[in-house]
């Protein structure tokens, strides 16, 4: 699910590879799948549709799309070998997978009738540039369907970003922090409109998570947004960081069971001729 950002592309040789764990990520499969189904419902079936799923992960959702749109040819791409390992058994005549970043896929110059991405593009930076380039890869009448968590507004992300800007964690992480690249609804609306899309569907929707304990909330984010930080820490530093973050989660959600109003952004449009 991870891609190398435009900004950091030249530094990619020096960056650590983020260790995605499919088992941890899929622990909340039901919660993660509902936005996918909501996004997929926007797509209009077209015979011979050439489709790509950017950041396909284990490929399970791509397989659902391929079964839903049987007259389309789907390619799932992801940069995580761990995730793609599970996709091998899913390949069919109209479904294939490739190890690649979103940016590498763009550089190929291939055109698509459907560009789909569910909870992946938040890992790529410079969204104004990224989304503009993606829309350029659409064929006439091509469809664009993207879903992302609204990280700047989601409480667990806010707590995490505040924590990594405090000592001793600034020192532990050598100043590293990952600001979310996710833009506002207005900004995405303008990008999609400027990119020649019509029949726009732009929604921010809350998918509530009901947690009986704070460990549930920690486990949810540990499979995604926490990874870039924990992979940079070892030993006692990692233990202190995780313990402090768990404490902050408990302070941020004092009442149990807790409701976590997890916000997601759904974007859909169709290119004019």
Protein backbone atom coordinates (compact mmCIF):
# COMPACT_ATOMS: atom_id res chain seq x y z
CA UNK A 1 0.00 0.00 0.00
CA UNK A 2 3.01 2.29 0.16
CA UNK A 3 4.34 4.40 -2.68
CA UNK A 4 7.44 6.53 -3.00
CA UNK A 5 6.48 10.19 -3.06
CA UNK A 6 7.34 12.59 -5.86
CA UNK A 7 9.23 14.70 -3.35
CA UNK A 8 11.34 11.83 -2.07
CA UNK A 9 11.78 9.88 -5.29
CA UNK A 10 15.49 10.68 -5.62
CA UNK A 11 16.08 9.67 -2.02
CA UNK A 12 14.30 6.34 -2.24
CA UNK A 13 17.52 4.35 -2.13
CA UNK A 14 18.18 5.66 1.38
CA UNK A 15 14.70 5.13 2.73
CA UNK A 16 13.69 2.12 4.76
CA UNK A 17 11.07 -0.13 3.25
CA UNK A 18 7.92 -0.01 5.31
CA UNK A 19 7.17 -3.48 6.72
CA UNK A 20 3.49 -4.01 6.00
CA UNK A 21 1.90 -6.85 7.94
CA UNK A 22 -1.19 -8.19 6.13
CA UNK A 23 -2.38 -10.01 9.27
CA UNK A 24 -2.43 -6.82 11.38
CA UNK A 25 -3.89 -4.74 8.55
CA UNK A 26 -6.71 -7.24 7.94
CA UNK A 27 -7.59 -7.41 11.62
CA UNK A 28 -10.12 -4.65 10.89
CA UNK A 29 -11.14 -5.97 7.48
CA UNK A 30 -14.87 -5.32 7.92
CA UNK A 31 -14.26 -1.68 8.90
CA UNK A 32 -11.82 -1.15 6.05
CA UNK A 33 -14.08 -2.79 3.44
CA UNK A 34 -17.24 -0.68 3.78
CA UNK A 35 -15.70 2.45 2.18
CA UNK A 36 -14.42 0.20 -0.61
CA UNK A 37 -17.94 -1.05 -1.37
CA UNK A 38 -19.32 2.48 -1.23
CA UNK A 39 -16.68 3.64 -3.71
CA UNK A 40 -17.18 0.65 -6.02
CA UNK A 41 -20.90 1.42 -6.26
CA UNK A 42 -20.08 4.61 -8.19
CA UNK A 43 -18.42 2.69 -11.03
CA UNK A 44 -20.38 2.13 -14.24
CA UNK A 45 -19.71 -1.18 -16.04
CA UNK A 46 -18.18 -0.91 -19.51
CA UNK A 47 -17.34 -3.75 -21.89
CA UNK A 48 -13.60 -4.15 -22.41
CA UNK A 49 -12.76 -1.70 -19.63
CA UNK A 50 -9.02 -1.52 -18.89
CA UNK A 51 -8.78 -0.94 -15.14
CA UNK A 52 -6.05 -0.45 -12.56
CA UNK A 53 -6.18 -0.64 -8.76
CA UNK A 54 -3.41 1.51 -7.26
CA UNK A 55 -2.16 0.26 -3.90
CA UNK A 56 -4.09 -3.00 -4.14
CA UNK A 57 -2.53 -4.55 -1.03
CA UNK A 58 -3.34 -8.25 -0.78
CA UNK A 59 -5.47 -8.04 -3.92
CA UNK A 60 -8.67 -9.20 -2.26
CA UNK A 61 -10.55 -6.03 -3.10
CA UNK A 62 -9.24 -6.02 -6.67
CA UNK A 63 -10.58 -9.55 -7.00
CA UNK A 64 -14.00 -8.36 -5.81
CA UNK A 65 -13.94 -5.68 -8.51
CA UNK A 66 -12.90 -8.20 -11.16
CA UNK A 67 -15.80 -10.47 -10.15
CA UNK A 68 -18.22 -7.53 -10.18
CA UNK A 69 -17.09 -6.20 -13.56
CA UNK A 70 -16.45 -9.42 -15.45
CA UNK A 71 -16.02 -7.74 -18.84
CA UNK A 72 -13.17 -5.58 -17.57
CA UNK A 73 -9.45 -6.38 -17.33
CA UNK A 74 -7.95 -5.47 -13.97
CA UNK A 75 -4.36 -4.87 -12.93
CA UNK A 76 -3.58 -4.52 -9.24
CA UNK A 77 -0.31 -2.77 -8.35
CA UNK A 78 1.38 -2.43 -4.99
CA UNK A 79 4.93 -1.80 -3.82
CA UNK A 80 4.72 -4.23 -0.88
CA UNK A 81 5.99 -7.73 -1.63
CA UNK A 82 4.47 -8.92 1.66
CA UNK A 83 1.02 -7.78 0.60
CA UNK A 84 1.31 -9.04 -2.98
CA UNK A 85 2.39 -12.49 -1.79
CA UNK A 86 -1.26 -13.17 -0.99
CA UNK A 87 -2.45 -12.01 -4.42
CA UNK A 88 -0.87 -14.84 -6.41
CA UNK A 89 -3.75 -17.23 -5.79
CA UNK A 90 -6.28 -14.63 -6.94
CA UNK A 91 -5.08 -14.17 -10.52
CA UNK A 92 -7.58 -15.03 -13.26
CA UNK A 93 -8.02 -14.31 -16.95
CA UNK A 94 -9.17 -10.76 -16.19
CA UNK A 95 -7.10 -10.11 -13.05
CA UNK A 96 -3.32 -9.72 -12.74
CA UNK A 97 -0.93 -8.12 -10.28
CA UNK A 98 2.34 -6.23 -10.51
CA UNK A 99 4.86 -4.94 -7.96
CA UNK A 100 5.14 -1.22 -8.61
CA UNK A 101 4.68 2.17 -6.99
CA UNK A 102 1.98 4.57 -8.09
CA UNK A 103 4.63 6.91 -9.45
CA UNK A 104 6.35 4.16 -11.46
CA UNK A 105 2.98 3.24 -12.91
CA UNK A 106 2.42 6.83 -13.96
CA UNK A 107 5.82 6.98 -15.63
CA UNK A 108 4.86 4.03 -17.83
CA UNK A 109 2.46 6.33 -19.70
CA UNK A 110 -0.26 3.68 -19.86
CA UNK A 111 -3.82 4.88 -20.31
CA UNK A 112 -6.79 3.46 -18.40
CA UNK A 113 -10.57 3.33 -18.58
CA UNK A 114 -10.76 3.07 -14.80
CA UNK A 115 -8.29 4.30 -12.21
CA UNK A 116 -9.29 2.96 -8.80
CA UNK A 117 -7.59 3.34 -5.44
CA UNK A 118 -8.92 2.49 -2.01
CA UNK A 119 -7.05 3.83 1.06
CA UNK A 120 -3.65 4.04 -0.63
CA UNK A 121 -2.98 7.44 -2.20
CA UNK A 122 -2.62 9.09 1.21
CA UNK A 123 0.86 7.52 1.18
CA UNK A 124 1.92 9.58 -1.84
CA UNK A 125 2.88 13.23 -1.44
CA UNK A 126 2.10 16.31 -3.55
CA UNK A 127 -1.51 15.47 -4.28
CA UNK A 128 -2.06 18.44 -6.55
CA UNK A 129 0.65 17.07 -8.84
CA UNK A 130 -0.22 13.42 -8.30
CA UNK A 131 -3.95 13.71 -9.00
CA UNK A 132 -3.38 15.93 -12.02
CA UNK A 133 -1.05 13.30 -13.50
CA UNK A 134 -3.44 10.48 -12.71
CA UNK A 135 -6.28 12.22 -14.51
CA UNK A 136 -4.04 12.63 -17.55
CA UNK A 137 -3.80 8.82 -17.71
CA UNK A 138 -7.55 8.42 -18.19
CA UNK A 139 -8.95 7.55 -21.60
CA UNK A 140 -11.93 9.56 -22.87
CA UNK A 141 -15.00 8.55 -20.83
CA UNK A 142 -12.61 6.98 -18.33
CA UNK A 143 -13.66 6.71 -14.67
CA UNK A 144 -11.75 7.83 -11.60
CA UNK A 145 -12.62 6.41 -8.18
CA UNK A 146 -10.47 7.12 -5.11
CA UNK A 147 -11.04 6.78 -1.36
CA UNK A 148 -8.70 8.01 1.38
CA UNK A 149 -8.86 8.57 5.14
CA UNK A 150 -9.12 12.25 6.04
CA UNK A 151 -5.95 12.06 8.10
CA UNK A 152 -5.69 15.74 9.16
CA UNK A 153 -9.12 15.49 10.82
CA UNK A 154 -8.95 11.99 12.28
CA UNK A 155 -8.29 12.03 16.03
CA UNK A 156 -5.77 9.17 16.23
CA UNK A 157 -3.69 10.84 13.51
CA UNK A 158 -3.83 14.17 15.34
CA UNK A 159 -2.65 12.60 18.59
CA UNK A 160 0.17 10.84 16.75
CA UNK A 161 1.37 13.98 14.96
CA UNK A 162 1.38 15.95 18.21
CA UNK A 163 3.39 13.22 19.94
CA UNK A 164 6.18 13.00 17.36
CA UNK A 165 6.76 16.75 17.66
CA UNK A 166 7.62 16.41 21.36
CA UNK A 167 10.83 15.36 23.05
CA UNK A 168 12.25 12.82 23.48
CA UNK A 169 10.55 11.58 20.32
CA UNK A 170 11.87 14.34 18.09
CA UNK A 171 15.35 13.09 19.01
CA UNK A 172 14.39 9.42 18.79
CA UNK A 173 13.01 9.94 15.27
CA UNK A 174 15.77 12.36 14.24
CA UNK A 175 13.16 14.98 13.45
CA UNK A 176 11.11 12.74 11.18
CA UNK A 177 7.39 13.38 10.97
CA UNK A 178 4.93 12.64 8.23
CA UNK A 179 2.49 15.43 7.51
CA UNK A 180 -0.59 14.17 5.71
CA UNK A 181 -0.76 15.10 2.02
CA UNK A 182 -4.56 14.83 2.00
CA UNK A 183 -6.13 18.06 0.73
CA UNK A 184 -9.51 19.65 1.39
CA UNK A 185 -12.72 18.70 -0.40
CA UNK A 186 -12.68 22.04 -2.22
CA UNK A 187 -9.15 21.43 -3.49
CA UNK A 188 -9.96 17.96 -4.81
CA UNK A 189 -13.16 19.25 -6.43
CA UNK A 190 -11.12 21.86 -8.31
CA UNK A 191 -8.47 19.33 -9.39
CA UNK A 192 -11.09 16.88 -10.67
CA UNK A 193 -12.98 19.64 -12.46
CA UNK A 194 -9.79 21.03 -14.04
CA UNK A 195 -8.89 17.48 -15.07
CA UNK A 196 -12.00 17.24 -17.20
CA UNK A 197 -14.17 15.07 -14.98
CA UNK A 198 -17.94 15.29 -14.90
CA UNK A 199 -20.67 13.43 -12.99
CA UNK A 200 -18.67 14.22 -9.87
CA UNK A 201 -19.39 12.47 -6.59
CA UNK A 202 -17.36 13.99 -3.74
CA UNK A 203 -18.24 12.88 -0.24
CA UNK A 204 -16.78 12.95 3.25
CA UNK A 205 -18.29 10.15 5.25
CA UNK A 206 -17.82 8.96 8.83
CA UNK A 207 -17.31 5.23 9.38
CA UNK A 208 -17.57 4.94 13.18
CA UNK A 209 -15.41 2.48 15.06
CA UNK A 210 -16.81 1.36 18.42
CA UNK A 211 -13.95 0.30 20.69
CA UNK A 212 -14.53 -1.47 23.97
CA UNK A 213 -10.97 -0.68 25.05
CA UNK A 214 -8.06 1.57 24.10
CA UNK A 215 -6.02 -1.34 22.78
CA UNK A 216 -8.54 -1.68 19.94
CA UNK A 217 -7.90 1.90 18.86
CA UNK A 218 -4.14 1.39 19.04
CA UNK A 219 -4.37 -1.82 17.03
CA UNK A 220 -6.38 -0.07 14.33
CA UNK A 221 -3.76 2.59 13.65
CA UNK A 222 -0.78 0.30 14.28
CA UNK A 223 -1.50 -1.42 10.96
CA UNK A 224 -1.23 1.79 8.95
CA UNK A 225 -0.27 5.34 10.03
CA UNK A 226 1.92 4.20 12.94
CA UNK A 227 4.25 2.11 10.75
CA UNK A 228 6.50 4.93 9.45
CA UNK A 229 7.38 5.77 13.06
CA UNK A 230 7.74 2.36 14.67
CA UNK A 231 9.97 1.13 11.84
CA UNK A 232 12.46 3.88 12.72
CA UNK A 233 12.69 2.91 16.40
CA UNK A 234 14.26 0.01 18.22
CA UNK A 235 14.60 -1.32 21.75
CA UNK A 236 13.70 0.92 24.67
CA UNK A 237 12.98 3.93 22.43
CA UNK A 238 10.30 1.97 20.59
CA UNK A 239 8.81 0.70 23.85
CA UNK A 240 8.61 4.21 25.34
CA UNK A 241 7.10 5.61 22.16
CA UNK A 242 4.36 2.97 21.98
CA UNK A 243 3.58 3.19 25.71
CA UNK A 244 3.34 6.98 25.55
CA UNK A 245 1.12 6.87 22.46
CA UNK A 246 -1.20 4.37 24.14
CA UNK A 247 -1.40 6.67 27.16
CA UNK A 248 -2.31 9.61 24.91
CA UNK A 249 -5.00 7.53 23.22
CA UNK A 250 -6.49 6.74 26.64
CA UNK A 251 -6.45 10.45 27.53
CA UNK A 252 -8.05 11.34 24.21
CA UNK A 253 -10.83 8.77 24.62
CA UNK A 254 -11.64 8.90 28.36
CA UNK A 255 -15.01 7.20 28.05
CA UNK A 256 -15.38 3.50 27.23
CA UNK A 257 -16.73 2.07 25.08
CA UNK A 258 -15.36 4.77 22.78
CA UNK A 259 -16.59 5.92 19.42
CA UNK A 260 -13.92 6.85 16.90
CA UNK A 261 -15.46 8.94 14.13
CA UNK A 262 -13.16 7.76 11.37
CA UNK A 263 -13.59 10.13 8.41
CA UNK A 264 -13.00 9.09 4.82
CA UNK A 265 -13.09 10.98 1.54
CA UNK A 266 -14.72 9.41 -1.52
CA UNK A 267 -13.96 10.89 -4.94
CA UNK A 268 -15.54 9.83 -8.24
CA UNK A 269 -15.86 11.32 -11.69
CA UNK A 270 -15.92 10.47 -15.37
CA UNK A 271 -13.77 12.09 -18.02
CA UNK A 272 -15.42 13.90 -20.89
CA UNK A 273 -14.71 12.79 -24.46
